Structure formats: C-alpha cells, structure tokens
C-alpha cells in the first residue's frame, strides 16, 4: 500500500464531516506537501475524531506550527467554490 493510499484510509473517520473534508484535501493537496507537512498530517490523522474536529473548526490550537499551517489549508476546503477567503 502506498503512503498516499494509507493516508486516504486514515481520512475515513467516524464523522462524515471530517471524512469529506479530509478526503478532498488529500486528493487535491497531498502531492504538493513536503515531507514535514506530510508527517504533520499523519500526526493529525492519529488524533481522536473530537480533537481533530476541534482543531479543524479552530476551537483548539494546533500543537505545532506545521499542523497549524496544514489546518489553515484544510479549512479552505470547507468553503464553497468561489467563496471569499
């Protein structure tokens, strides 16, 4: 199994909202992430759903700057196409 396939599998969560958002993010952005960002994404995906959801929603602060930057990029996928950033 390739690393990207493993990451896509880890995006399958117990919360549909996270499933859709994370799967879209990985499909569109994963190949552009550097090794450090990919490691940060793996760390995020190891978190429990409520904690990850709180991070994505901005209700909790990210443990690292790399993760904070990733979360900012992930949040862009919540906005409908054409919405102001």
C-alpha atoms as a PDB file:
ATOM      1  CA  UNK A   1       0.000   0.000   0.000  1.00  0.00           C
ATOM      2  CA  UNK A   2       1.414   3.389  -0.974  1.00  0.00           C
ATOM      3  CA  UNK A   3       1.779   6.125   1.632  1.00  0.00           C
ATOM      4  CA  UNK A   4      -0.921   8.205  -0.053  1.00  0.00           C
ATOM      5  CA  UNK A   5      -3.317   5.235  -0.003  1.00  0.00           C
ATOM      6  CA  UNK A   6      -2.583   4.765   3.697  1.00  0.00           C
ATOM      7  CA  UNK A   7      -3.281   8.445   4.337  1.00  0.00           C
ATOM      8  CA  UNK A   8      -6.545   8.219   2.398  1.00  0.00           C
ATOM      9  CA  UNK A   9      -7.526   5.240   4.530  1.00  0.00           C
ATOM     10  CA  UNK A  10      -6.756   7.237   7.695  1.00  0.00           C
ATOM     11  CA  UNK A  11      -9.065  10.001   6.424  1.00  0.00           C
ATOM     12  CA  UNK A  12     -12.008   7.624   6.832  1.00  0.00           C
ATOM     13  CA  UNK A  13     -13.324   8.811  10.163  1.00  0.00           C
ATOM     14  CA  UNK A  14     -16.335   8.268  12.370  1.00  0.00           C
ATOM     15  CA  UNK A  15     -17.540  11.768  11.491  1.00  0.00           C
ATOM     16  CA  UNK A  16     -18.842  12.300   7.961  1.00  0.00           C
ATOM     17  CA  UNK A  17     -17.837  15.985   8.075  1.00  0.00           C
ATOM     18  CA  UNK A  18     -14.204  15.015   8.640  1.00  0.00           C
ATOM     19  CA  UNK A  19     -14.373  12.246   6.019  1.00  0.00           C
ATOM     20  CA  UNK A  20     -15.455  14.582   3.250  1.00  0.00           C
ATOM     21  CA  UNK A  21     -13.132  17.420   4.160  1.00  0.00           C
ATOM     22  CA  UNK A  22     -10.013  15.325   4.725  1.00  0.00           C
ATOM     23  CA  UNK A  23     -10.517  13.116   1.684  1.00  0.00           C
ATOM     24  CA  UNK A  24     -10.952  16.184  -0.527  1.00  0.00           C
ATOM     25  CA  UNK A  25      -7.869  17.800   0.968  1.00  0.00           C
ATOM     26  CA  UNK A  26      -5.708  14.718   0.419  1.00  0.00           C
ATOM     27  CA  UNK A  27      -6.980  14.236  -3.135  1.00  0.00           C
ATOM     28  CA  UNK A  28      -6.163  17.844  -4.044  1.00  0.00           C
ATOM     29  CA  UNK A  29      -3.172  18.802  -1.898  1.00  0.00           C
ATOM     30  CA  UNK A  30      -1.267  15.767  -0.624  1.00  0.00           C
ATOM     31  CA  UNK A  31       1.120  15.544  -3.561  1.00  0.00           C
ATOM     32  CA  UNK A  32       2.145  19.183  -3.002  1.00  0.00           C
ATOM     33  CA  UNK A  33       3.013  18.698   0.690  1.00  0.00           C
ATOM     34  CA  UNK A  34       6.662  18.410   1.648  1.00  0.00           C
ATOM     35  CA  UNK A  35       7.885  15.616   3.976  1.00  0.00           C
ATOM     36  CA  UNK A  36       7.483  17.772   7.071  1.00  0.00           C
ATOM     37  CA  UNK A  37       3.887  18.622   6.154  1.00  0.00           C
ATOM     38  CA  UNK A  38       3.095  15.002   5.330  1.00  0.00           C
ATOM     39  CA  UNK A  39       4.413  13.982   8.763  1.00  0.00           C
ATOM     40  CA  UNK A  40       2.286  16.713  10.362  1.00  0.00           C
ATOM     41  CA  UNK A  41      -0.782  15.432   8.517  1.00  0.00           C
ATOM     42  CA  UNK A  42      -0.095  11.871   9.707  1.00  0.00           C
ATOM     43  CA  UNK A  43       0.117  13.175  13.286  1.00  0.00           C
ATOM     44  CA  UNK A  44      -3.201  14.984  12.878  1.00  0.00           C
ATOM     45  CA  UNK A  45      -4.834  11.846  11.484  1.00  0.00           C
ATOM     46  CA  UNK A  46      -3.692   9.855  14.527  1.00  0.00           C
ATOM     47  CA  UNK A  47      -5.836  12.071  16.773  1.00  0.00           C
ATOM     48  CA  UNK A  48      -9.264  11.123  18.039  1.00  0.00           C
ATOM     49  CA  UNK A  49     -12.173  12.499  15.985  1.00  0.00           C
ATOM     50  CA  UNK A  50     -13.407  15.037  18.589  1.00  0.00           C
ATOM     51  CA  UNK A  51      -9.919  16.529  18.980  1.00  0.00           C
ATOM     52  CA  UNK A  52      -9.287  16.634  15.239  1.00  0.00           C
ATOM     53  CA  UNK A  53     -12.703  18.182  14.630  1.00  0.00           C
ATOM     54  CA  UNK A  54     -11.998  20.855  17.284  1.00  0.00           C
ATOM     55  CA  UNK A  55      -8.687  21.638  15.569  1.00  0.00           C
ATOM     56  CA  UNK A  56     -10.262  21.835  12.113  1.00  0.00           C
ATOM     57  CA  UNK A  57     -13.023  24.097  13.427  1.00  0.00           C
ATOM     58  CA  UNK A  58     -10.466  26.357  15.125  1.00  0.00           C
ATOM     59  CA  UNK A  59     -11.793  25.602  18.620  1.00  0.00           C
ATOM     60  CA  UNK A  60      -8.457  24.202  19.712  1.00  0.00           C
ATOM     61  CA  UNK A  61      -4.914  25.327  18.976  1.00  0.00           C
ATOM     62  CA  UNK A  62      -2.627  23.100  16.929  1.00  0.00           C
ATOM     63  CA  UNK A  63       0.323  21.577  18.808  1.00  0.00           C
ATOM     64  CA  UNK A  64       2.861  22.641  16.149  1.00  0.00           C
ATOM     65  CA  UNK A  65       3.218  25.405  13.576  1.00  0.00           C
ATOM     66  CA  UNK A  66       3.345  22.858  10.752  1.00  0.00           C
ATOM     67  CA  UNK A  67      -0.006  21.471  11.895  1.00  0.00           C
ATOM     68  CA  UNK A  68      -1.440  24.977  12.266  1.00  0.00           C
ATOM     69  CA  UNK A  69      -0.451  25.744   8.677  1.00  0.00           C
ATOM     70  CA  UNK A  70      -1.948  22.458   7.479  1.00  0.00           C
ATOM     71  CA  UNK A  71      -5.190  23.123   9.326  1.00  0.00           C
ATOM     72  CA  UNK A  72      -5.421  26.514   7.677  1.00  0.00           C
ATOM     73  CA  UNK A  73      -5.069  24.849   4.270  1.00  0.00           C
ATOM     74  CA  UNK A  74      -7.597  22.158   5.216  1.00  0.00           C
ATOM     75  CA  UNK A  75     -10.127  24.810   6.265  1.00  0.00           C
ATOM     76  CA  UNK A  76     -10.022  26.225   2.740  1.00  0.00           C
ATOM     77  CA  UNK A  77     -11.796  23.057   1.610  1.00  0.00           C
ATOM     78  CA  UNK A  78     -14.757  23.848   3.880  1.00  0.00           C
ATOM     79  CA  UNK A  79     -15.632  26.900   1.861  1.00  0.00           C
ATOM     80  CA  UNK A  80     -17.845  26.514  -1.195  1.00  0.00           C
ATOM     81  CA  UNK A  81     -16.193  27.087  -4.574  1.00  0.00           C
ATOM     82  CA  UNK A  82     -15.925  30.809  -5.327  1.00  0.00           C
ATOM     83  CA  UNK A  83     -16.415  31.936  -1.704  1.00  0.00           C
ATOM     84  CA  UNK A  84     -14.183  34.717  -0.427  1.00  0.00           C
ATOM     85  CA  UNK A  85     -11.159  33.537   1.537  1.00  0.00           C
END
